[in-house]
Protein backbone atom coordinates (compact mmCIF):
# COMPACT_ATOMS: atom_id res chain seq x y z
CA MET A 1 -5.78 -15.44 -8.32
CA SER A 2 -6.96 -15.90 -11.79
CA GLY A 3 -8.54 -13.75 -14.50
CA ALA A 4 -7.63 -10.35 -15.78
CA ARG A 5 -10.84 -8.57 -14.71
CA LEU A 6 -10.10 -5.03 -13.50
CA PRO A 7 -11.46 -3.87 -10.22
CA ARG A 8 -14.33 -1.38 -10.52
CA PHE A 9 -12.23 1.60 -9.86
CA GLY A 10 -9.72 0.39 -12.47
CA TRP A 11 -11.73 1.91 -15.29
CA LEU A 12 -11.72 5.24 -13.50
CA ALA A 13 -7.98 5.03 -13.07
CA ILE A 14 -7.50 4.33 -16.79
CA GLY A 15 -9.82 7.29 -17.70
CA LEU A 16 -7.79 9.60 -15.53
CA ALA A 17 -4.64 8.34 -17.11
CA LEU A 18 -5.92 9.05 -20.67
CA TRP A 19 -7.23 12.42 -19.58
CA ALA A 20 -3.79 13.32 -18.07
CA ALA A 21 -2.02 12.00 -21.20
CA ALA A 22 -4.15 14.36 -23.30
CA LEU A 23 -3.42 17.24 -21.01
CA LEU A 24 0.31 16.49 -21.15
CA GLY A 25 0.23 16.26 -24.87
CA GLY A 26 -1.52 19.64 -25.11
CA ALA A 27 0.91 21.30 -22.73
CA THR A 28 3.93 19.72 -24.53
CA ALA A 29 2.61 20.81 -27.87
CA ALA A 30 2.16 24.40 -26.65
CA VAL A 31 5.64 24.54 -25.30
CA ALA A 32 7.02 23.14 -28.59
CA GLN A 33 5.20 25.65 -30.62
CA SER A 34 5.92 28.91 -28.68
CA PRO A 35 9.19 29.03 -26.64
CA VAL A 36 12.34 28.11 -28.42
CA ARG A 37 15.22 26.12 -26.99
CA LEU A 38 18.52 27.92 -27.21
CA THR A 39 21.64 26.13 -28.56
CA GLU A 40 24.74 26.77 -26.63
CA SER A 41 27.47 28.25 -28.77
CA CYS A 42 30.23 28.16 -26.20
CA ARG A 43 31.14 27.33 -22.59
CA VAL A 44 34.26 28.54 -20.92
CA ALA A 45 35.50 28.54 -17.37
CA SER A 46 37.14 31.37 -15.36
CA ASP A 47 37.91 32.52 -11.87
CA ASN A 48 35.28 34.41 -9.86
CA ALA A 49 36.87 37.73 -10.47
CA ALA A 50 36.69 37.60 -14.25
CA SER A 51 34.37 40.26 -15.91
CA LEU A 52 32.31 39.99 -19.01
CA ALA A 53 34.78 42.10 -21.00
CA GLN A 54 37.53 39.71 -20.13
CA ILE A 55 35.54 36.62 -21.01
CA LEU A 56 33.65 37.87 -24.07
CA PRO A 57 36.55 37.35 -26.63
CA ALA A 58 37.01 33.85 -25.42
CA LEU A 59 33.34 33.22 -25.86
CA LYS A 60 33.33 34.51 -29.40
CA ARG A 61 36.39 32.52 -30.44
CA CYS A 62 35.43 29.45 -28.32
CA SER A 63 38.84 27.98 -28.96
CA GLN A 64 39.13 26.18 -25.61
CA PRO A 65 35.54 25.29 -24.39
CA THR A 66 35.31 23.73 -21.04
CA SER A 67 33.69 20.45 -20.16
CA TYR A 68 30.03 20.13 -18.94
CA HIS A 69 31.15 18.70 -15.53
CA HIS A 70 33.37 21.58 -14.68
CA VAL A 71 33.36 22.77 -11.08
CA GLY A 72 33.61 26.56 -10.66
CA THR A 73 32.61 29.69 -12.37
CA THR A 74 31.22 28.93 -15.90
CA TRP A 75 30.16 31.25 -18.72
CA LEU A 76 27.55 30.09 -21.25
CA SER A 77 27.04 31.90 -24.58
CA TYR A 78 24.05 31.89 -26.87
CA ASP A 79 24.20 33.82 -30.13
CA ARG A 80 21.41 31.94 -32.18
CA PHE A 81 17.95 32.53 -30.80
CA GLY A 82 15.52 31.07 -33.38
CA VAL A 83 13.40 34.15 -33.10
CA TYR A 84 13.95 37.91 -33.55
CA LEU A 85 14.24 39.54 -30.20
CA LEU A 86 12.16 42.60 -30.71
CA PRO A 87 13.46 45.60 -28.75
CA THR A 88 11.30 47.24 -26.12
CA ARG A 89 9.39 43.96 -25.61
CA THR A 90 9.66 41.93 -22.46
CA TRP A 91 11.21 38.46 -22.87
CA ARG A 92 11.56 35.60 -20.44
CA LEU A 93 14.64 33.37 -20.37
CA THR A 94 14.15 30.18 -18.34
CA LEU A 95 17.20 28.25 -17.18
CA ASP A 96 17.27 24.79 -15.90
CA ASN A 97 17.97 24.25 -12.16
CA HIS A 98 21.77 24.70 -12.20
CA ARG A 99 23.82 23.93 -9.11
CA SER A 100 25.42 27.31 -8.48
CA SER A 101 25.60 30.12 -5.90
CA ALA A 102 24.58 32.87 -8.25
CA VAL A 103 23.36 33.40 -11.82
CA ASP A 104 24.02 36.46 -13.98
CA LEU A 105 22.39 37.24 -17.36
CA PHE A 106 24.23 39.58 -19.61
CA VAL A 107 22.27 40.87 -22.70
CA VAL A 108 24.75 42.05 -25.17
CA GLN A 109 23.10 44.52 -27.58
CA ARG A 110 24.01 46.08 -30.87
CA GLY A 111 26.58 48.81 -30.32
CA GLY A 112 28.29 47.01 -27.35
CA THR A 113 25.82 48.08 -24.70
CA VAL A 114 25.16 45.44 -22.02
CA GLN A 115 22.15 44.84 -19.71
CA HIS A 116 22.98 42.88 -16.55
CA HIS A 117 20.37 40.94 -14.57
CA HIS A 118 21.29 39.06 -11.36
CA TYR A 119 19.40 35.97 -10.18
CA ASP A 120 19.93 34.36 -6.72
CA PRO A 121 19.04 30.65 -7.06
CA ASN A 122 19.06 30.26 -3.31
CA ALA A 123 16.75 33.23 -2.49
CA PRO A 124 13.36 32.14 -1.04
CA ASP A 125 11.58 34.74 -3.17
CA ARG A 126 13.25 33.88 -6.46
CA GLU A 127 11.36 33.71 -9.70
CA TRP A 128 10.63 30.23 -10.99
CA THR A 129 8.39 28.60 -13.58
CA ALA A 130 6.68 25.23 -13.87
CA GLY A 131 9.28 22.55 -14.46
CA ASN A 132 11.57 24.03 -11.93
CA TYR A 133 13.10 26.59 -14.30
CA GLN A 134 14.88 29.70 -13.09
CA SER A 135 13.13 32.61 -14.60
CA ILE A 136 14.76 35.90 -15.76
CA LEU A 137 12.78 38.72 -17.36
CA PHE A 138 14.55 41.32 -19.55
CA THR A 139 13.57 44.08 -21.96
CA PRO A 140 16.30 44.86 -24.59
CA GLU A 141 16.52 48.46 -25.85
CA ARG A 142 18.29 47.53 -29.13
CA ASP A 143 18.83 44.35 -31.18
CA VAL A 144 20.36 41.58 -29.13
CA GLU A 145 23.56 40.06 -30.47
CA ARG A 146 24.34 37.55 -27.73
CA LEU A 147 23.04 36.27 -24.41
CA VAL A 148 25.67 35.30 -21.81
CA VAL A 149 24.93 33.48 -18.59
CA ARG A 150 27.42 33.35 -15.78
CA LEU A 151 27.14 30.54 -13.21
CA GLN A 152 29.20 31.22 -10.12
CA ASP A 153 30.49 28.11 -8.17
CA ALA A 154 28.73 25.84 -10.57
CA GLN A 155 28.76 22.12 -10.36
CA GLY A 156 27.95 20.66 -13.72
CA VAL A 157 26.99 17.22 -12.57
CA THR A 158 23.51 16.23 -13.77
CA PHE A 159 22.20 16.79 -17.33
CA VAL A 160 20.94 20.39 -17.77
CA ARG A 161 18.10 21.16 -20.13
CA PRO A 162 18.75 23.89 -22.71
CA PRO A 163 17.31 27.30 -21.87
CA ARG A 164 13.93 28.36 -23.19
CA LEU A 165 13.32 31.80 -24.57
CA ALA A 166 9.96 33.49 -25.51
CA ARG A 167 7.83 36.57 -25.09
CA ALA A 168 6.79 36.97 -21.41
CA LYS A 169 3.13 36.88 -22.26
CA VAL A 170 3.54 33.65 -24.21
CA PHE A 171 4.51 31.73 -21.14
CA ALA A 172 1.33 32.47 -19.31
CA PRO A 173 -1.02 29.82 -20.84
CA ILE A 174 1.88 27.36 -20.99
CA GLU A 175 2.56 27.96 -17.28
CA ARG A 176 -1.06 27.47 -16.53
CA ASP A 177 -1.30 24.14 -18.40
CA GLN A 178 2.02 22.79 -17.01
CA THR A 179 1.22 23.81 -13.48
CA ALA A 180 -2.19 22.05 -13.71
CA LEU A 181 -0.52 18.94 -15.16
CA TYR A 182 2.11 18.84 -12.43
CA GLY A 183 -0.44 19.53 -9.75
CA ILE A 184 -2.62 16.68 -11.01
CA GLY A 185 0.42 14.34 -11.06
CA VAL A 186 1.51 15.27 -7.50
CA GLY A 187 -2.04 15.04 -6.30
CA MET A 188 -2.51 11.53 -7.79
CA LEU A 189 0.70 10.37 -6.26
CA ALA A 190 -0.33 11.75 -2.81
CA LEU A 191 -3.81 10.02 -3.07
CA THR A 192 -2.09 6.75 -4.10
CA ILE A 193 0.05 6.81 -1.02
CA LEU A 194 -2.91 7.46 1.24
CA PHE A 195 -4.97 4.75 -0.36
CA HIS A 196 -2.22 2.09 -0.16
CA MET A 197 -1.15 3.16 3.35
CA SER A 198 -4.69 2.50 4.48
CA LEU A 199 -4.59 -0.88 2.89
CA PHE A 200 -1.21 -1.59 4.50
CA PHE A 201 -2.56 -0.95 7.93
CA ALA A 202 -5.40 -3.39 7.15
CA MET A 203 -3.29 -6.15 5.53
CA ARG A 204 0.30 -5.57 6.85
CA ARG A 205 2.00 -6.95 3.72
CA ARG A 206 5.66 -6.03 3.07
CA PHE A 207 5.15 -5.22 -0.59
CA GLN A 208 2.53 -2.69 0.29
CA LEU A 209 5.01 -0.77 2.53
CA ILE A 210 7.72 -1.01 -0.20
CA TYR A 211 5.20 0.31 -2.79
CA CYS A 212 4.19 3.24 -0.57
CA ILE A 213 7.88 4.15 -0.08
CA HIS A 214 8.36 3.92 -3.82
CA VAL A 215 5.44 6.18 -4.55
CA GLY A 216 6.66 8.52 -1.78
CA LEU A 217 9.96 8.86 -3.57
CA LEU A 218 8.21 9.56 -6.84
CA LEU A 219 6.14 12.21 -5.02
CA GLY A 220 9.35 13.84 -3.82
CA TYR A 221 10.73 13.75 -7.37
CA GLY A 222 7.58 15.21 -8.70
CA LEU A 223 7.56 18.04 -6.16
CA ALA A 224 11.23 18.88 -6.85
CA TYR A 225 11.14 18.49 -10.59
CA SER A 226 7.98 20.42 -11.17
CA GLY A 227 9.05 23.28 -8.84
CA LEU A 228 5.96 22.84 -6.61
CA ILE A 229 8.36 22.25 -3.73
CA HIS A 230 9.01 26.05 -3.71
CA LEU A 231 5.44 26.44 -2.39
CA VAL A 232 6.03 24.38 0.79
CA ALA A 233 9.91 24.90 1.16
CA PRO A 234 10.93 28.13 -0.44
CA GLN A 235 14.21 28.12 1.53
CA LEU A 236 15.51 25.25 -0.49
CA GLY A 237 18.23 26.34 -2.88
CA SER A 238 19.08 25.02 -6.42
CA GLY A 239 21.60 22.58 -5.03
CA ALA A 240 19.26 21.07 -2.52
CA ILE A 241 16.48 20.67 -5.06
CA SER A 242 18.93 19.05 -7.51
CA ASP A 243 19.96 16.67 -4.75
CA ILE A 244 16.35 15.77 -4.14
CA VAL A 245 15.73 15.03 -7.76
CA SER A 246 18.90 12.88 -8.05
CA PHE A 247 18.31 11.04 -4.76
CA THR A 248 14.64 10.29 -5.33
CA MET A 249 15.15 8.95 -8.87
CA ALA A 250 18.09 6.64 -7.77
CA ALA A 251 16.27 5.51 -4.66
CA ALA A 252 13.10 4.81 -6.71
CA THR A 253 14.96 2.35 -8.80
CA ALA A 254 15.92 0.46 -5.63
CA THR A 255 12.35 0.44 -4.23
CA GLY A 256 10.99 -0.46 -7.67
CA ILE A 257 13.01 -3.56 -7.99
CA ALA A 258 12.45 -4.49 -4.32
CA PHE A 259 8.63 -4.06 -4.75
CA VAL A 260 8.61 -6.28 -7.97
CA ILE A 261 10.37 -9.24 -6.32
CA GLU A 262 8.37 -8.95 -3.14
CA PHE A 263 5.12 -8.58 -5.07
CA LEU A 264 5.70 -11.51 -7.46
CA GLY A 265 7.00 -13.79 -4.59
CA PRO A 266 8.10 -17.34 -5.24
CA VAL A 267 7.50 -17.01 -9.02
CA THR A 268 10.94 -15.41 -9.13
CA PRO A 269 13.79 -17.87 -8.78
CA ARG A 270 15.92 -17.58 -5.63
CA TRP A 271 19.08 -16.79 -7.49
CA LEU A 272 17.29 -13.95 -9.37
CA ARG A 273 15.85 -12.65 -6.04
CA ARG A 274 19.35 -12.50 -4.59
CA TRP A 275 20.62 -10.68 -7.67
CA ALA A 276 17.81 -8.18 -7.45
CA MET A 277 18.32 -7.51 -3.84
CA GLY A 278 21.99 -6.81 -4.59
CA ALA A 279 20.92 -4.37 -7.33
CA ALA A 280 18.53 -2.71 -4.91
CA CYS A 281 21.25 -2.20 -2.35
CA ALA A 282 23.54 -0.85 -5.06
CA SER A 283 20.87 1.68 -6.14
CA ALA A 284 20.23 2.85 -2.69
CA THR A 285 23.92 3.31 -2.10
CA ALA A 286 24.26 5.32 -5.32
CA ALA A 287 21.27 7.46 -4.15
CA VAL A 288 23.10 8.35 -0.95
CA ALA A 289 26.40 8.87 -2.73
CA LEU A 290 24.83 11.39 -5.11
CA VAL A 291 23.97 13.57 -2.16
CA ILE A 292 26.98 13.21 0.11
CA ALA A 293 29.77 12.99 -2.57
CA PRO A 294 32.21 15.94 -2.55
CA PRO A 295 32.26 18.15 -5.66
CA SER A 296 35.62 16.82 -6.90
CA ILE A 297 34.13 13.41 -7.70
CA ASP A 298 30.51 14.39 -8.25
CA TYR A 299 30.69 13.64 -11.98
CA ALA A 300 32.26 10.17 -11.50
CA VAL A 301 29.58 9.37 -8.94
CA PHE A 302 26.83 10.60 -11.26
CA ILE A 303 28.09 8.39 -14.09
CA VAL A 304 28.34 5.34 -11.85
CA ALA A 305 24.90 6.09 -10.44
CA ASN A 306 23.50 6.13 -13.96
CA LEU A 307 25.07 2.83 -14.80
CA VAL A 308 23.75 1.28 -11.54
CA ALA A 309 20.31 2.63 -12.35
CA MET A 310 20.37 1.22 -15.90
CA HIS A 311 21.36 -2.15 -14.51
CA SER A 312 18.50 -2.16 -11.95
CA ILE A 313 15.99 -1.10 -14.58
CA LEU A 314 17.09 -3.75 -17.03
CA LEU A 315 17.05 -6.34 -14.31
CA THR A 316 13.54 -5.32 -13.21
CA THR A 317 12.43 -5.81 -16.85
CA GLY A 318 13.92 -9.20 -16.91
CA ILE A 319 12.14 -10.18 -13.59
CA ILE A 320 8.77 -9.07 -15.02
CA LEU A 321 9.37 -10.90 -18.32
CA ASN A 322 10.27 -13.95 -16.39
CA ALA A 323 7.02 -13.86 -14.47
CA LEU A 324 5.23 -13.29 -17.72
CA ALA A 325 6.75 -16.38 -19.18
CA ARG A 326 5.70 -18.34 -16.10
CA ARG A 327 2.06 -17.16 -16.70
CA GLU A 328 1.89 -15.28 -13.39
CA PRO A 329 -1.58 -13.59 -13.41
CA MET A 330 -0.21 -10.29 -12.23
CA ALA A 331 2.69 -10.13 -14.63
CA SER A 332 0.69 -8.72 -17.52
CA ALA A 333 -0.52 -5.77 -15.27
CA LEU A 334 3.12 -5.08 -14.29
CA VAL A 335 4.25 -4.97 -17.98
CA LEU A 336 1.46 -2.55 -18.57
CA GLY A 337 2.39 -0.42 -15.55
CA TRP A 338 6.15 -0.52 -15.89
CA SER A 339 6.60 -0.35 -19.74
CA LEU A 340 6.40 3.50 -19.87
CA PRO A 341 8.48 4.39 -16.76
CA ILE A 342 11.16 1.76 -17.65
CA SER A 343 11.40 3.13 -21.22
CA VAL A 344 11.67 6.69 -19.98
CA SER A 345 14.04 5.75 -17.13
CA LEU A 346 16.41 4.22 -19.66
CA MET A 347 16.23 7.27 -21.88
CA TYR A 348 17.52 9.58 -19.19
CA PRO A 349 20.88 7.98 -18.63
CA ALA A 350 21.11 7.41 -22.39
CA ARG A 351 20.65 11.16 -22.91
CA THR A 352 23.20 11.95 -20.22
CA MET A 353 25.75 9.74 -22.00
CA GLY A 354 25.01 11.39 -25.36
CA LEU A 355 23.25 8.33 -26.91
CA ILE A 356 20.02 10.20 -27.65
CA GLY A 357 19.20 13.93 -28.16
CA ASN A 358 17.48 16.18 -25.73
CA GLY A 359 14.48 16.66 -28.02
CA VAL A 360 13.39 13.03 -27.50
CA LEU A 361 12.45 13.81 -23.75
CA PRO A 362 10.01 16.71 -23.46
CA ASP A 363 9.64 18.36 -20.01
CA GLY A 364 7.49 16.48 -17.61
CA LEU A 365 7.78 13.11 -19.40
CA MET A 366 9.22 11.33 -16.39
CA MET A 367 6.59 12.96 -14.09
CA PHE A 368 3.88 11.75 -16.51
CA ALA A 369 5.41 8.21 -16.59
CA ALA A 370 5.67 8.03 -12.81
CA THR A 371 1.98 9.10 -12.47
CA MET A 372 0.87 6.60 -14.99
CA GLU A 373 2.91 3.86 -13.33
CA CYS A 374 1.21 4.44 -9.94
CA LEU A 375 -2.22 4.61 -11.43
CA ILE A 376 -1.85 1.46 -13.36
CA LEU A 377 0.07 -0.50 -10.70
CA SER A 378 -2.57 0.34 -8.19
CA LEU A 379 -4.74 -2.16 -10.08
CA PRO A 380 -2.65 -5.29 -9.62
CA VAL A 381 -1.71 -4.16 -6.11
CA ALA A 382 -5.36 -3.82 -5.18
CA GLY A 383 -6.10 -7.12 -6.94
CA ARG A 384 -3.41 -8.91 -5.01
CA ILE A 385 -4.66 -7.36 -1.75
CA ARG A 386 -8.18 -8.42 -2.64
CA ALA A 387 -6.89 -12.02 -3.27
CA LEU A 388 -5.06 -11.98 0.02
CA ARG A 389 -8.13 -10.67 1.76
CA ILE A 390 -10.20 -13.51 0.36
CA ASP A 391 -7.56 -16.02 1.32
CA HIS A 392 -7.48 -14.61 4.74
CA GLU A 393 -11.26 -14.73 5.10
CA ARG A 394 -11.32 -18.35 3.90
CA ALA A 395 -8.54 -19.25 6.36
CA ALA A 396 -10.47 -17.56 9.14
CA GLU A 397 -13.65 -19.33 8.13
CA ARG A 398 -11.77 -22.73 8.05
CA HIS A 399 -10.31 -21.96 11.50
CA SER A 400 -13.68 -20.99 12.87
CA MET A 401 -15.20 -24.21 11.51
CA LEU A 402 -12.43 -26.31 13.00
CA GLU A 403 -12.96 -24.43 16.27
CA ARG A 404 -16.69 -25.17 16.14
CA GLN A 405 -15.97 -28.84 15.28
CA ALA A 406 -13.54 -29.09 18.23
CA HIS A 407 -16.21 -27.73 20.60
CA THR A 408 -19.36 -29.15 19.14
CA ASP A 409 -20.78 -32.66 19.10
CA ALA A 410 -21.24 -33.62 15.44
CA LEU A 411 -24.34 -35.77 15.98
CA THR A 412 -26.51 -33.51 18.13
CA GLY A 413 -25.09 -30.08 17.36
CA LEU A 414 -24.76 -29.41 21.07
CA ALA A 415 -21.46 -28.40 22.83
CA ASN A 416 -19.29 -31.33 23.58
CA ARG A 417 -17.62 -31.82 26.96
CA ARG A 418 -14.77 -29.45 26.03
CA GLY A 419 -17.12 -26.87 24.52
CA PHE A 420 -19.36 -27.03 27.65
CA GLY A 421 -16.45 -26.42 29.88
CA GLU A 422 -15.09 -23.39 27.82
CA ALA A 423 -18.60 -21.90 27.66
CA LEU A 424 -18.71 -21.96 31.50
CA GLU A 425 -15.26 -20.41 31.54
CA ARG A 426 -16.35 -17.63 29.25
CA ALA A 427 -19.33 -16.99 31.42
CA ALA A 428 -17.10 -16.78 34.53
CA ILE A 429 -14.80 -14.21 32.71
CA ALA A 430 -17.88 -12.14 31.79
CA HIS A 431 -19.18 -12.27 35.29
CA PRO A 432 -16.18 -12.55 37.63
CA GLU A 433 -18.33 -12.40 40.77
CA PRO A 434 -19.80 -15.86 41.86
CA TYR A 435 -23.43 -16.33 41.10
CA PRO A 436 -26.08 -19.02 41.73
CA MET A 437 -26.05 -21.85 39.23
CA ALA A 438 -27.73 -25.20 38.80
CA LEU A 439 -26.63 -28.20 36.82
CA LEU A 440 -28.85 -30.95 35.35
CA LEU A 441 -27.31 -34.26 34.33
CA ILE A 442 -29.67 -36.21 32.04
CA ASP A 443 -29.27 -39.94 31.05
CA ILE A 444 -31.45 -41.86 28.57
CA ASP A 445 -32.77 -44.96 30.29
CA HIS A 446 -31.79 -48.37 28.87
CA PHE A 447 -30.24 -46.79 25.86
CA LYS A 448 -27.90 -49.73 25.12
CA ARG A 449 -30.92 -51.96 24.93
CA VAL A 450 -32.64 -49.68 22.52
CA ASN A 451 -29.53 -49.61 20.31
CA ASP A 452 -29.35 -53.36 20.33
CA GLN A 453 -33.01 -53.89 19.47
CA HIS A 454 -33.58 -51.06 16.90
CA GLY A 455 -30.07 -50.44 15.53
CA HIS A 456 -27.63 -47.51 15.77
CA ALA A 457 -29.48 -45.46 13.21
CA LYS A 458 -32.55 -45.39 15.36
CA GLY A 459 -30.31 -44.71 18.40
CA ASP A 460 -28.66 -41.73 16.69
CA ALA A 461 -32.16 -40.29 15.84
CA ILE A 462 -33.24 -40.70 19.48
CA LEU A 463 -30.05 -38.85 20.59
CA ARG A 464 -30.82 -35.98 18.28
CA HIS A 465 -34.42 -35.94 19.30
CA VAL A 466 -33.58 -35.71 22.96
CA ALA A 467 -30.93 -33.10 22.44
CA LEU A 468 -33.42 -30.86 20.54
CA HIS A 469 -36.01 -31.28 23.30
CA VAL A 470 -33.59 -30.55 26.17
CA ALA A 471 -32.27 -27.41 24.43
CA ARG A 472 -35.79 -26.16 23.71
CA VAL A 473 -37.09 -26.62 27.33
CA ALA A 474 -33.80 -25.34 28.93
CA GLY A 475 -34.17 -22.02 27.14
CA SER A 476 -31.80 -19.66 25.36
CA GLY A 477 -30.02 -18.62 28.54
CA ALA A 478 -28.93 -22.12 29.37
CA VAL A 479 -25.69 -23.90 28.34
CA VAL A 480 -26.51 -27.35 26.97
CA GLY A 481 -24.01 -29.99 26.09
CA ARG A 482 -23.59 -33.67 25.32
CA HIS A 483 -21.70 -34.96 28.31
CA GLY A 484 -20.81 -38.25 26.63
CA GLY A 485 -22.58 -41.30 25.27
CA GLU A 486 -26.32 -40.91 26.11
CA GLU A 487 -25.70 -38.26 28.83
CA PHE A 488 -26.56 -34.58 28.42
CA VAL A 489 -25.74 -31.65 30.90
CA VAL A 490 -27.49 -28.35 31.38
CA ALA A 491 -26.18 -25.26 33.16
CA LEU A 492 -28.82 -22.78 34.44
CA ARG A 493 -27.44 -19.44 35.48
CA GLY A 494 -29.22 -17.85 38.45
CA TYR A 495 -31.35 -20.93 39.34
CA ASP A 496 -31.72 -22.42 42.76
CA LEU A 497 -32.48 -26.07 43.46
CA ASN A 498 -36.24 -25.77 43.37
CA ARG A 499 -36.40 -23.75 40.09
CA ALA A 500 -33.90 -26.14 38.44
CA SER A 501 -35.97 -29.14 39.55
CA THR A 502 -39.01 -27.69 37.83
CA ILE A 503 -37.01 -27.39 34.57
CA ALA A 504 -35.80 -30.97 34.96
CA GLU A 505 -39.33 -32.26 35.51
CA ARG A 506 -40.56 -30.44 32.38
CA ILE A 507 -37.73 -32.12 30.43
CA ARG A 508 -38.66 -35.62 31.86
CA ILE A 509 -42.34 -35.28 31.18
CA GLY A 510 -41.80 -33.74 27.77
CA ILE A 511 -39.63 -36.56 26.62
CA GLY A 512 -42.49 -39.08 27.12
CA GLN A 513 -45.00 -36.80 25.30
CA THR A 514 -42.79 -36.08 22.33
CA PHE A 515 -41.98 -39.76 21.76
CA GLU A 516 -45.65 -40.57 21.87
CA GLU A 517 -46.10 -38.09 18.97
CA GLU A 518 -42.94 -39.17 17.12
CA THR A 519 -44.24 -42.67 16.11
CA SER A 520 -41.17 -43.54 13.94
CA LEU A 521 -38.99 -43.74 16.99
CA PRO A 522 -39.15 -46.16 19.89
CA PRO A 523 -40.24 -44.51 23.15
CA VAL A 524 -37.62 -43.81 25.80
CA THR A 525 -37.49 -42.13 29.17
CA VAL A 526 -34.87 -40.13 30.96
CA SER A 527 -33.42 -39.92 34.48
CA ILE A 528 -32.13 -36.61 35.80
CA GLY A 529 -29.92 -35.56 38.57
CA VAL A 530 -30.05 -31.96 39.75
CA ALA A 531 -27.53 -30.03 41.80
CA ALA A 532 -27.42 -26.31 42.70
CA GLY A 533 -24.85 -24.06 44.30
CA ASP A 534 -22.16 -21.55 43.44
CA SER A 535 -20.75 -20.95 39.92
CA ALA A 536 -17.21 -21.06 41.36
CA ALA A 537 -17.70 -24.80 42.27
CA VAL A 538 -18.64 -26.37 38.96
CA GLU A 539 -16.76 -29.59 39.53
CA THR A 540 -18.50 -30.05 42.85
CA LEU A 541 -21.86 -29.47 41.26
CA LEU A 542 -21.19 -32.03 38.48
CA HIS A 543 -20.18 -34.55 41.07
CA ASP A 544 -23.33 -33.93 43.14
CA ALA A 545 -25.52 -33.97 40.02
CA ASP A 546 -23.84 -37.31 39.00
CA CYS A 547 -24.57 -38.79 42.41
CA ALA A 548 -28.22 -37.68 42.21
CA LEU A 549 -28.48 -39.30 38.71
CA TYR A 550 -26.96 -42.45 40.07
CA ARG A 551 -29.66 -42.62 42.78
CA ALA A 552 -32.42 -41.95 40.19
CA LYS A 553 -31.19 -44.88 38.16
CA ASN A 554 -31.09 -47.16 41.19
CA GLU A 555 -34.61 -46.21 42.24
CA GLY A 556 -36.30 -47.24 39.10
CA ARG A 557 -35.33 -44.67 36.41
CA ASN A 558 -37.60 -42.14 34.79
CA LYS A 559 -37.14 -39.85 37.80
CA VAL A 560 -35.78 -36.44 38.78
CA MET A 561 -33.52 -36.78 41.84
CA LEU A 562 -32.09 -33.81 43.68
CA ALA A 563 -28.66 -33.71 45.09
CA ASP A 564 -29.96 -33.38 48.70
CA GLY A 565 -32.68 -35.98 48.41
CA PRO A 566 -35.56 -37.26 46.27
CA LEU A 567 -38.26 -35.06 44.93
CA VAL A 568 -41.80 -36.56 44.74
CA TYR A 569 -43.88 -35.39 41.81
CA ALA A 570 -46.91 -37.70 42.19
CA ALA A 571 -49.13 -34.92 43.45
CA ALA A 572 -48.00 -32.51 40.90
CA ALA A 573 -48.50 -34.99 38.06
């Protein structure tokens, strides 16, 4: 397939992508301007029985902070807010989706008073906000000195986004815009799956199925990351949702690289394909390990999974660049579709490893990148399917032409002996009960002498002329074929011997008349043998018609002879 012309719906997809990008930019800007990200001042671990009074001195000193991948009860302290927490105003603190059995917020106010708010991250009716944040409302009575969060049975495995803090009313328009954005992204992913699954059932190509699985994983990620999964599965707790996010992202790297090598096909060297399949298997294994690994090794598995994902993403990039260097027509579209998600995918493990800061990755960036990937990659996928469909139609057309050639006489356009026999077989299948049928066997008289005197070109013209006349007189319901050489055969369904003999005589008389009008050809006559009987005995009818034709030849030619005796037409003529 050549050319870079986009399908008609391609421009619509690009328009939707730009519109979604503008919406994302607006929503991200709104989040950046209003809520503030809290900076963690300390993190300490304790047993489940420890109280705030016992932990608060350790949080203030922060002499022995715990690691981010600690398993157990963890206390987080925030004493710099970036805004002045006005008393008697309602504020909203949104926490990332922590893996824990319970969350407690302690609002430490001036004078030592403490407000306690409990949050159950596994309750079906829990509060949450767009982006899958846990949402806690509080109204301080005095100036706030410190916010302390306790995570019970925490598993600090994946990267956790810093909390956001703002007036409750500030979150309303942000929630509206972000929910609309996530809803659009999830809807586009779902429509992409439906569209390509319908194409898969039509074309049955493996890369289509892999692509649908890939988009399905991205859809699962989008539902879990955005929090929209709460609408359909509110019983899922924070740990289950974190598992879905981790699994879908790791598995998507496996299906992504598998799709690329399957889509590009032979343009990828064999050794590179084997390497890529190994990387896909490693990513799939890492995805499963992230879900089933025990808490004691969760962090190690998470780091290994990130390294495996980075390897698969970089390898995918190399495969696409290799195709681009080989001038594969679809490679440029793959570069356009994969550039953003590959860049963002590399940024996530880099952030986990501390190579880049959290501010580089705004909320929803991966969701946006996944949606753009699916929209843009739909263009080359649809283009490849269109090319395959055209190839399939051309192959079917060539096959049909070869079938016609195998069953058709090239000179006259009538069915050849094989085509005539198969036409009778199809008629027998369509009408399994035996029915009356007559056969006419027609032979051009002295055709060899005509060929010798006037040349083969004239002989071929005579054959075409006779074939056209026989087919015209026999009618549309008859099966007409060239039996071989200068012989023609006609099958008449539902005819008895008398009716068939009438058709035969019309053919015989008409031949003489047409050749008198066609002065460019030498005149010829025909002899015809007619037999009638049962459709189940075609071979017998052919034998009887051949015997009748032989008698017509022996008795002077230019005659119609019936299988059970001669037919005299002198009176009729």
